[in-house]
Amino acid sequence: MKTLLTFALFLTVTLAFAQADKDVASQVEKLRLALIDPTVANLSELSSIHLSYGHSSGKLENQAQFIDALVSGASDFAKVSFEDQTIHVEKDVAIVRHNLVADVLDGGKSNSIKIGVILVWQKEKGQWKLLARQAYKLP
């Protein structure tokens, strides 16, 4: 009986982690789509009011600056994909790593970029919110 209870607990915990991974992956996909078609509503829903958003250039933005840059077109993504993604969930925090591959429009001219990114998501009131993001140049 004790073995059966231990197995049931293990299975429950494993399924909870698998669901958390799926939930975080879903939020990351929503973020990818929001980078291409940004609105104040979708970016606000995805990000924490405490957001710290770091670019590979060293530029740092808070939530309002992050949203404004995308909605105004100062950061204009034509195409975005996330490659080699990993997700690690620990209680109410998730760490996501991937390579961001994108076509960015700059003054009507398209530039291709490939950078590494680490995202930190935190569960707030039952929903995963982007708390921190740092991009870095790949070797």
Protein backbone atom coordinates (compact mmCIF):
# COMPACT_ATOMS: atom_id res chain seq x y z
CA MET A 1 0.00 0.00 0.00
CA LYS A 2 2.83 2.37 0.90
CA THR A 3 4.52 1.70 -2.46
CA LEU A 4 1.28 2.45 -4.28
CA LEU A 5 0.88 5.76 -2.42
CA THR A 6 4.49 6.70 -3.16
CA PHE A 7 3.97 5.91 -6.84
CA ALA A 8 0.72 7.92 -6.94
CA LEU A 9 2.48 10.91 -5.33
CA PHE A 10 5.38 10.63 -7.79
CA LEU A 11 2.96 10.46 -10.73
CA THR A 12 1.01 13.48 -9.46
CA VAL A 13 4.18 15.56 -9.06
CA THR A 14 5.46 14.50 -12.49
CA LEU A 15 2.17 15.44 -14.14
CA ALA A 16 2.13 18.80 -12.33
CA PHE A 17 5.64 19.60 -13.62
CA ALA A 18 4.67 18.53 -17.15
CA GLN A 19 1.61 20.80 -17.01
CA ALA A 20 3.73 23.70 -15.71
CA ASP A 21 6.17 23.21 -18.60
CA LYS A 22 3.25 23.27 -21.07
CA ASP A 23 1.79 26.39 -19.46
CA VAL A 24 5.14 28.21 -19.62
CA ALA A 25 5.72 27.06 -23.21
CA SER A 26 2.29 28.44 -24.11
CA GLN A 27 3.18 31.83 -22.60
CA VAL A 28 6.51 31.87 -24.45
CA GLU A 29 4.67 31.21 -27.71
CA LYS A 30 2.25 34.04 -26.94
CA LEU A 31 5.27 36.29 -26.35
CA ARG A 32 6.77 35.26 -29.70
CA LEU A 33 3.53 36.15 -31.47
CA ALA A 34 3.24 39.42 -29.53
CA LEU A 35 6.71 40.47 -30.70
CA ILE A 36 5.43 40.25 -34.28
CA ASP A 37 1.99 41.77 -33.65
CA PRO A 38 2.35 43.83 -30.46
CA THR A 39 -0.51 45.49 -28.63
CA VAL A 40 -0.55 47.13 -25.23
CA ALA A 41 -3.11 44.53 -24.13
CA ASN A 42 -1.20 41.39 -25.15
CA LEU A 43 2.17 42.66 -23.88
CA SER A 44 0.66 43.84 -20.57
CA GLU A 45 -1.03 40.47 -20.09
CA LEU A 46 2.24 38.59 -20.64
CA SER A 47 4.61 40.76 -18.61
CA SER A 48 4.98 41.64 -14.96
CA ILE A 49 4.75 45.26 -13.84
CA HIS A 50 8.21 44.58 -12.36
CA LEU A 51 9.67 43.52 -15.73
CA SER A 52 13.39 43.99 -16.33
CA TYR A 53 13.99 43.57 -20.08
CA GLY A 54 17.63 43.50 -21.18
CA HIS A 55 18.83 43.74 -24.77
CA SER A 56 22.06 42.26 -26.14
CA SER A 57 23.32 45.84 -26.58
CA GLY A 58 23.09 46.39 -22.83
CA LYS A 59 19.98 48.57 -23.05
CA LEU A 60 17.58 47.91 -20.18
CA GLU A 61 13.82 48.56 -20.22
CA ASN A 62 11.02 48.38 -17.67
CA GLN A 63 7.56 47.11 -18.59
CA ALA A 64 6.30 50.46 -19.93
CA GLN A 65 9.44 51.01 -22.06
CA PHE A 66 9.33 47.42 -23.36
CA ILE A 67 5.69 47.81 -24.41
CA ASP A 68 6.21 51.27 -25.92
CA ALA A 69 9.22 50.17 -27.98
CA LEU A 70 7.23 47.37 -29.60
CA VAL A 71 3.88 49.13 -30.01
CA SER A 72 5.51 52.30 -31.43
CA GLY A 73 7.55 50.28 -33.92
CA ALA A 74 10.91 51.35 -32.47
CA SER A 75 11.49 47.58 -32.16
CA ASP A 76 9.82 46.08 -35.22
CA PHE A 77 9.94 42.32 -35.69
CA ALA A 78 8.81 41.02 -39.09
CA LYS A 79 9.54 37.37 -38.26
CA VAL A 80 10.61 35.64 -35.03
CA SER A 81 11.42 32.07 -34.12
CA PHE A 82 12.81 30.56 -30.94
CA GLU A 83 15.30 27.72 -31.43
CA ASP A 84 16.89 25.18 -29.06
CA GLN A 85 14.48 26.09 -26.26
CA THR A 86 14.72 24.64 -22.77
CA ILE A 87 12.33 25.19 -19.87
CA HIS A 88 13.06 24.57 -16.20
CA VAL A 89 10.27 25.09 -13.68
CA GLU A 90 10.92 25.34 -9.95
CA LYS A 91 7.76 26.03 -7.93
CA ASP A 92 6.47 29.44 -9.13
CA VAL A 93 9.54 30.38 -11.21
CA ALA A 94 10.45 29.20 -14.69
CA ILE A 95 13.71 29.75 -16.56
CA VAL A 96 13.52 29.56 -20.33
CA ARG A 97 16.55 29.66 -22.62
CA HIS A 98 16.48 29.83 -26.40
CA ASN A 99 18.09 31.37 -29.43
CA LEU A 100 15.99 34.13 -30.95
CA VAL A 101 16.19 34.20 -34.74
CA ALA A 102 14.43 37.16 -36.30
CA ASP A 103 14.07 39.59 -39.15
CA VAL A 104 13.96 43.08 -37.67
CA LEU A 105 12.79 46.08 -39.67
CA ASP A 106 14.92 49.19 -39.26
CA GLY A 107 13.86 52.19 -41.34
CA GLY A 108 12.20 49.93 -43.90
CA LYS A 109 15.32 47.76 -44.17
CA SER A 110 15.28 44.16 -42.91
CA ASN A 111 18.14 42.89 -40.75
CA SER A 112 18.51 39.29 -39.62
CA ILE A 113 19.57 38.64 -36.05
CA LYS A 114 20.37 35.58 -33.96
CA ILE A 115 20.90 36.10 -30.24
CA GLY A 116 20.72 34.03 -27.08
CA VAL A 117 17.96 34.82 -24.59
CA ILE A 118 17.17 33.86 -21.02
CA LEU A 119 13.65 34.52 -19.76
CA VAL A 120 12.50 34.37 -16.16
CA TRP A 121 8.78 33.79 -15.68
CA GLN A 122 6.98 33.95 -12.34
CA LYS A 123 3.51 32.73 -11.54
CA GLU A 124 1.39 35.68 -10.40
CA LYS A 125 -2.20 35.04 -9.33
CA GLY A 126 -2.25 31.77 -11.27
CA GLN A 127 -0.76 33.15 -14.49
CA TRP A 128 2.83 32.99 -15.74
CA LYS A 129 4.24 36.52 -16.25
CA LEU A 130 7.55 37.54 -17.80
CA LEU A 131 9.60 38.97 -14.93
CA ALA A 132 13.01 39.28 -16.57
CA ARG A 133 14.63 38.86 -19.96
CA GLN A 134 18.27 39.15 -20.94
CA ALA A 135 19.56 38.79 -24.47
CA TYR A 136 23.22 38.16 -25.24
CA LYS A 137 25.40 37.86 -28.29
CA LEU A 138 26.17 34.34 -29.40
CA PRO A 139 29.78 33.34 -30.11
